[in-house]
Amino acid sequence: MLLNLIFVAILIGGLLWFFRIFQKFYPKILTWCLEHKAAFLSIPTAIVIAGCFIWAGLGKEFMPPLDEGSFLYMPTTMPHASIGEALDVLQKQDAAFGSIPEVESV
């Protein structure tokens, strides 16, 4: 409990210190940004373009291709099906898959 309070106090103190420093330099930063609009706007433009390049490859990064000789079957039921009915369907499907000789585990 005491460590949590110390952590929060340090975190809030660090944030307040950062904002105080930011307020000190804010007029200079704002003046520079208004005087150099093209240079300032190139920064968010570059970030958006980099994000587009990163986003194009996201589908490939989260799930690497695996060939383990296994299948994943996700059964679905109608939205109005009760939990008992869904469990009954699931048990029947598990029994049907288990009756196949090539299937090792369900």
N, C-alpha and C. Protein backbone atom coordinates (compact mmCIF):
# COMPACT_ATOMS: atom_id res chain seq x y z
N MET A 1 0.83 -1.18 0.00
CA MET A 1 0.00 0.00 0.00
C MET A 1 0.88 1.25 0.00
N LEU A 2 1.89 1.22 0.85
CA LEU A 2 2.78 2.37 0.93
C LEU A 2 3.56 2.55 -0.37
N LEU A 3 3.98 1.43 -0.97
CA LEU A 3 4.71 1.53 -2.24
C LEU A 3 3.82 2.11 -3.34
N ASN A 4 2.54 1.77 -3.32
CA ASN A 4 1.62 2.34 -4.31
C ASN A 4 1.52 3.85 -4.15
N LEU A 5 1.42 4.31 -2.93
CA LEU A 5 1.34 5.75 -2.68
C LEU A 5 2.62 6.45 -3.12
N ILE A 6 3.75 5.84 -2.83
CA ILE A 6 5.03 6.43 -3.25
C ILE A 6 5.11 6.47 -4.78
N PHE A 7 4.70 5.38 -5.42
CA PHE A 7 4.73 5.33 -6.89
C PHE A 7 3.84 6.41 -7.49
N VAL A 8 2.62 6.55 -6.97
CA VAL A 8 1.70 7.56 -7.50
C VAL A 8 2.25 8.96 -7.25
N ALA A 9 2.82 9.20 -6.08
CA ALA A 9 3.38 10.51 -5.78
C ALA A 9 4.53 10.85 -6.73
N ILE A 10 5.39 9.88 -6.99
CA ILE A 10 6.51 10.12 -7.92
C ILE A 10 5.99 10.33 -9.33
N LEU A 11 4.99 9.56 -9.73
CA LEU A 11 4.42 9.69 -11.07
C LEU A 11 3.78 11.06 -11.25
N ILE A 12 2.97 11.48 -10.30
CA ILE A 12 2.32 12.79 -10.40
C ILE A 12 3.36 13.90 -10.34
N GLY A 13 4.35 13.75 -9.46
CA GLY A 13 5.41 14.76 -9.39
C GLY A 13 6.17 14.87 -10.70
N GLY A 14 6.45 13.74 -11.33
CA GLY A 14 7.15 13.76 -12.62
C GLY A 14 6.32 14.42 -13.70
N LEU A 15 5.03 14.12 -13.72
CA LEU A 15 4.16 14.76 -14.72
C LEU A 15 4.06 16.26 -14.50
N LEU A 16 3.91 16.67 -13.25
CA LEU A 16 3.83 18.10 -12.97
C LEU A 16 5.13 18.80 -13.34
N TRP A 17 6.27 18.16 -13.07
CA TRP A 17 7.55 18.74 -13.46
C TRP A 17 7.64 18.88 -14.98
N PHE A 18 7.20 17.84 -15.72
CA PHE A 18 7.22 17.90 -17.18
C PHE A 18 6.36 19.04 -17.69
N PHE A 19 5.16 19.20 -17.14
CA PHE A 19 4.27 20.26 -17.62
C PHE A 19 4.79 21.64 -17.26
N ARG A 20 5.47 21.77 -16.12
CA ARG A 20 6.06 23.05 -15.76
C ARG A 20 7.16 23.43 -16.76
N ILE A 21 8.01 22.47 -17.10
CA ILE A 21 9.06 22.72 -18.09
C ILE A 21 8.44 23.04 -19.44
N PHE A 22 7.39 22.29 -19.81
CA PHE A 22 6.71 22.52 -21.09
C PHE A 22 6.12 23.93 -21.13
N GLN A 23 5.51 24.39 -20.05
CA GLN A 23 4.95 25.74 -20.02
C GLN A 23 6.05 26.79 -20.16
N LYS A 24 7.22 26.49 -19.65
CA LYS A 24 8.33 27.44 -19.73
C LYS A 24 8.78 27.62 -21.19
N PHE A 25 8.82 26.52 -21.95
CA PHE A 25 9.31 26.59 -23.32
C PHE A 25 8.19 26.71 -24.35
N TYR A 26 6.92 26.69 -23.92
CA TYR A 26 5.80 26.70 -24.86
C TYR A 26 5.79 27.92 -25.78
N PRO A 27 6.00 29.14 -25.28
CA PRO A 27 5.99 30.30 -26.22
C PRO A 27 7.06 30.18 -27.30
N LYS A 28 8.25 29.69 -26.95
CA LYS A 28 9.31 29.54 -27.94
C LYS A 28 8.94 28.47 -28.97
N ILE A 29 8.38 27.36 -28.50
CA ILE A 29 7.98 26.28 -29.42
C ILE A 29 6.88 26.77 -30.34
N LEU A 30 5.88 27.47 -29.79
CA LEU A 30 4.77 27.97 -30.59
C LEU A 30 5.25 28.99 -31.62
N THR A 31 6.13 29.86 -31.23
CA THR A 31 6.67 30.85 -32.17
C THR A 31 7.41 30.16 -33.31
N TRP A 32 8.23 29.18 -32.99
CA TRP A 32 8.96 28.46 -34.04
C TRP A 32 8.00 27.75 -34.98
N CYS A 33 6.98 27.11 -34.43
CA CYS A 33 6.02 26.38 -35.27
C CYS A 33 5.26 27.32 -36.20
N LEU A 34 4.91 28.49 -35.71
CA LEU A 34 4.17 29.44 -36.54
C LEU A 34 5.06 30.08 -37.60
N GLU A 35 6.34 30.22 -37.31
CA GLU A 35 7.26 30.80 -38.29
C GLU A 35 7.71 29.77 -39.32
N HIS A 36 7.73 28.51 -38.98
CA HIS A 36 8.18 27.45 -39.87
C HIS A 36 7.04 26.44 -40.09
N LYS A 37 5.97 26.90 -40.71
CA LYS A 37 4.78 26.06 -40.86
C LYS A 37 5.05 24.82 -41.69
N ALA A 38 5.80 24.97 -42.77
CA ALA A 38 6.07 23.82 -43.64
C ALA A 38 6.89 22.76 -42.91
N ALA A 39 7.90 23.19 -42.18
CA ALA A 39 8.72 22.23 -41.44
C ALA A 39 7.91 21.56 -40.33
N PHE A 40 7.07 22.35 -39.66
CA PHE A 40 6.26 21.77 -38.58
C PHE A 40 5.24 20.78 -39.13
N LEU A 41 4.57 21.12 -40.23
CA LEU A 41 3.55 20.23 -40.79
C LEU A 41 4.16 19.00 -41.45
N SER A 42 5.44 19.05 -41.78
CA SER A 42 6.07 17.86 -42.36
C SER A 42 6.22 16.74 -41.32
N ILE A 43 6.30 17.10 -40.06
CA ILE A 43 6.44 16.09 -39.00
C ILE A 43 5.19 15.23 -38.89
N PRO A 44 3.97 15.79 -38.71
CA PRO A 44 2.79 14.91 -38.66
C PRO A 44 2.51 14.21 -39.99
N THR A 45 2.86 14.87 -41.10
CA THR A 45 2.68 14.22 -42.40
C THR A 45 3.58 12.99 -42.50
N ALA A 46 4.81 13.10 -42.06
CA ALA A 46 5.73 11.95 -42.08
C ALA A 46 5.24 10.84 -41.16
N ILE A 47 4.67 11.21 -40.02
CA ILE A 47 4.15 10.20 -39.09
C ILE A 47 2.97 9.46 -39.71
N VAL A 48 2.07 10.18 -40.38
CA VAL A 48 0.92 9.54 -41.02
C VAL A 48 1.38 8.62 -42.15
N ILE A 49 2.33 9.07 -42.96
CA ILE A 49 2.83 8.23 -44.06
C ILE A 49 3.52 6.98 -43.51
N ALA A 50 4.32 7.15 -42.46
CA ALA A 50 4.97 5.98 -41.84
C ALA A 50 3.93 5.03 -41.27
N GLY A 51 2.86 5.58 -40.69
CA GLY A 51 1.79 4.74 -40.17
C GLY A 51 1.10 3.95 -41.26
N CYS A 52 0.94 4.56 -42.44
CA CYS A 52 0.32 3.84 -43.56
C CYS A 52 1.20 2.68 -44.00
N PHE A 53 2.51 2.88 -44.04
CA PHE A 53 3.41 1.79 -44.42
C PHE A 53 3.39 0.67 -43.37
N ILE A 54 3.35 1.06 -42.11
CA ILE A 54 3.31 0.05 -41.04
C ILE A 54 1.98 -0.69 -41.07
N TRP A 55 0.89 0.02 -41.29
CA TRP A 55 -0.45 -0.58 -41.28
C TRP A 55 -0.61 -1.60 -42.39
N ALA A 56 0.06 -1.39 -43.52
CA ALA A 56 -0.06 -2.32 -44.64
C ALA A 56 0.46 -3.71 -44.28
N GLY A 57 1.43 -3.81 -43.39
CA GLY A 57 1.99 -5.10 -43.04
C GLY A 57 1.49 -5.68 -41.73
N LEU A 58 0.50 -5.05 -41.11
CA LEU A 58 0.05 -5.53 -39.80
C LEU A 58 -0.60 -6.90 -39.85
N GLY A 59 -1.33 -7.22 -40.89
CA GLY A 59 -2.01 -8.50 -40.96
C GLY A 59 -1.05 -9.67 -40.98
N LYS A 60 0.16 -9.44 -41.42
CA LYS A 60 1.15 -10.52 -41.52
C LYS A 60 1.91 -10.71 -40.21
N GLU A 61 1.92 -9.72 -39.36
CA GLU A 61 2.77 -9.78 -38.17
C GLU A 61 2.10 -10.45 -36.99
N PHE A 62 0.79 -10.34 -36.84
CA PHE A 62 0.15 -10.82 -35.63
C PHE A 62 0.03 -12.34 -35.59
N MET A 63 -0.19 -12.97 -36.71
CA MET A 63 -0.34 -14.43 -36.72
C MET A 63 0.59 -15.03 -37.75
N PRO A 64 1.73 -15.54 -37.32
CA PRO A 64 2.65 -16.15 -38.28
C PRO A 64 2.04 -17.43 -38.84
N PRO A 65 2.41 -17.79 -40.05
CA PRO A 65 1.85 -19.01 -40.63
C PRO A 65 2.38 -20.24 -39.90
N LEU A 66 1.47 -21.07 -39.44
CA LEU A 66 1.84 -22.29 -38.74
C LEU A 66 1.30 -23.48 -39.51
N ASP A 67 2.14 -24.46 -39.74
CA ASP A 67 1.69 -25.68 -40.40
C ASP A 67 2.01 -26.83 -39.46
N GLU A 68 1.15 -27.03 -38.49
CA GLU A 68 1.35 -28.10 -37.51
C GLU A 68 0.51 -29.31 -37.84
N GLY A 69 -0.19 -29.28 -38.95
CA GLY A 69 -1.06 -30.38 -39.30
C GLY A 69 -2.33 -30.41 -38.46
N SER A 70 -2.68 -29.28 -37.87
CA SER A 70 -3.88 -29.23 -37.04
C SER A 70 -4.88 -28.25 -37.64
N PHE A 71 -6.13 -28.42 -37.27
CA PHE A 71 -7.20 -27.57 -37.73
C PHE A 71 -7.87 -26.92 -36.53
N LEU A 72 -8.36 -25.73 -36.74
CA LEU A 72 -9.11 -25.03 -35.71
C LEU A 72 -10.53 -24.86 -36.22
N TYR A 73 -11.48 -25.42 -35.51
CA TYR A 73 -12.88 -25.34 -35.90
C TYR A 73 -13.61 -24.50 -34.86
N MET A 74 -14.24 -23.42 -35.30
CA MET A 74 -14.99 -22.54 -34.41
C MET A 74 -16.47 -22.67 -34.71
N PRO A 75 -17.18 -23.50 -33.97
CA PRO A 75 -18.62 -23.65 -34.23
C PRO A 75 -19.39 -22.42 -33.78
N THR A 76 -20.43 -22.10 -34.52
CA THR A 76 -21.30 -20.98 -34.16
C THR A 76 -22.74 -21.46 -34.14
N THR A 77 -23.54 -20.78 -33.36
CA THR A 77 -24.97 -21.08 -33.30
C THR A 77 -25.74 -19.81 -33.59
N MET A 78 -27.02 -19.95 -33.74
CA MET A 78 -27.87 -18.79 -33.96
C MET A 78 -27.88 -17.94 -32.68
N PRO A 79 -28.08 -16.64 -32.81
CA PRO A 79 -28.06 -15.77 -31.62
C PRO A 79 -29.12 -16.13 -30.58
N HIS A 80 -30.23 -16.70 -31.01
CA HIS A 80 -31.30 -17.01 -30.05
C HIS A 80 -31.10 -18.35 -29.35
N ALA A 81 -30.03 -19.07 -29.65
CA ALA A 81 -29.79 -20.39 -29.04
C ALA A 81 -29.42 -20.22 -27.57
N SER A 82 -29.96 -21.09 -26.74
CA SER A 82 -29.65 -21.03 -25.31
C SER A 82 -28.27 -21.65 -25.06
N ILE A 83 -27.76 -21.44 -23.87
CA ILE A 83 -26.45 -21.99 -23.52
C ILE A 83 -26.50 -23.52 -23.54
N GLY A 84 -27.58 -24.08 -23.03
CA GLY A 84 -27.72 -25.53 -23.03
C GLY A 84 -27.74 -26.10 -24.43
N GLU A 85 -28.44 -25.42 -25.34
CA GLU A 85 -28.49 -25.89 -26.72
C GLU A 85 -27.12 -25.78 -27.38
N ALA A 86 -26.41 -24.68 -27.10
CA ALA A 86 -25.08 -24.50 -27.68
C ALA A 86 -24.12 -25.58 -27.16
N LEU A 87 -24.20 -25.89 -25.87
CA LEU A 87 -23.34 -26.95 -25.32
C LEU A 87 -23.68 -28.31 -25.91
N ASP A 88 -24.98 -28.56 -26.15
CA ASP A 88 -25.39 -29.82 -26.76
C ASP A 88 -24.83 -29.95 -28.17
N VAL A 89 -24.92 -28.86 -28.95
CA VAL A 89 -24.37 -28.87 -30.31
C VAL A 89 -22.86 -29.10 -30.26
N LEU A 90 -22.19 -28.45 -29.31
CA LEU A 90 -20.74 -28.60 -29.18
C LEU A 90 -20.36 -30.03 -28.82
N GLN A 91 -21.09 -30.66 -27.93
CA GLN A 91 -20.80 -32.05 -27.56
C GLN A 91 -21.01 -32.99 -28.74
N LYS A 92 -22.07 -32.76 -29.51
CA LYS A 92 -22.33 -33.60 -30.68
C LYS A 92 -21.22 -33.45 -31.72
N GLN A 93 -20.76 -32.20 -31.91
CA GLN A 93 -19.68 -31.97 -32.88
C GLN A 93 -18.38 -32.61 -32.39
N ASP A 94 -18.10 -32.48 -31.11
CA ASP A 94 -16.89 -33.12 -30.56
C ASP A 94 -16.94 -34.63 -30.74
N ALA A 95 -18.11 -35.22 -30.50
CA ALA A 95 -18.25 -36.67 -30.67
C ALA A 95 -18.08 -37.07 -32.13
N ALA A 96 -18.62 -36.25 -33.04
CA ALA A 96 -18.49 -36.56 -34.47
C ALA A 96 -17.03 -36.46 -34.91
N PHE A 97 -16.32 -35.44 -34.44
CA PHE A 97 -14.91 -35.31 -34.80
C PHE A 97 -14.08 -36.42 -34.16
N GLY A 98 -14.41 -36.79 -32.94
CA GLY A 98 -13.68 -37.85 -32.25
C GLY A 98 -13.86 -39.21 -32.88
N SER A 99 -14.95 -39.41 -33.61
CA SER A 99 -15.19 -40.72 -34.24
C SER A 99 -14.36 -40.92 -35.50
N ILE A 100 -13.73 -39.87 -35.99
CA ILE A 100 -12.88 -39.98 -37.17
C ILE A 100 -11.55 -40.60 -36.73
N PRO A 101 -11.10 -41.69 -37.36
CA PRO A 101 -9.88 -42.38 -36.90
C PRO A 101 -8.62 -41.52 -36.97
N GLU A 102 -8.54 -40.62 -37.92
CA GLU A 102 -7.32 -39.81 -38.07
C GLU A 102 -7.21 -38.72 -37.01
N VAL A 103 -8.28 -38.42 -36.32
CA VAL A 103 -8.27 -37.35 -35.32
C VAL A 103 -7.69 -37.89 -34.02
N GLU A 104 -6.61 -37.24 -33.53
CA GLU A 104 -5.95 -37.69 -32.31
C GLU A 104 -6.61 -37.12 -31.07
N SER A 105 -6.98 -35.84 -31.11
CA SER A 105 -7.61 -35.21 -29.94
C SER A 105 -8.61 -34.17 -30.41
N VAL A 106 -9.60 -33.96 -29.57
CA VAL A 106 -10.65 -32.98 -29.88
C VAL A 106 -10.60 -31.91 -28.83
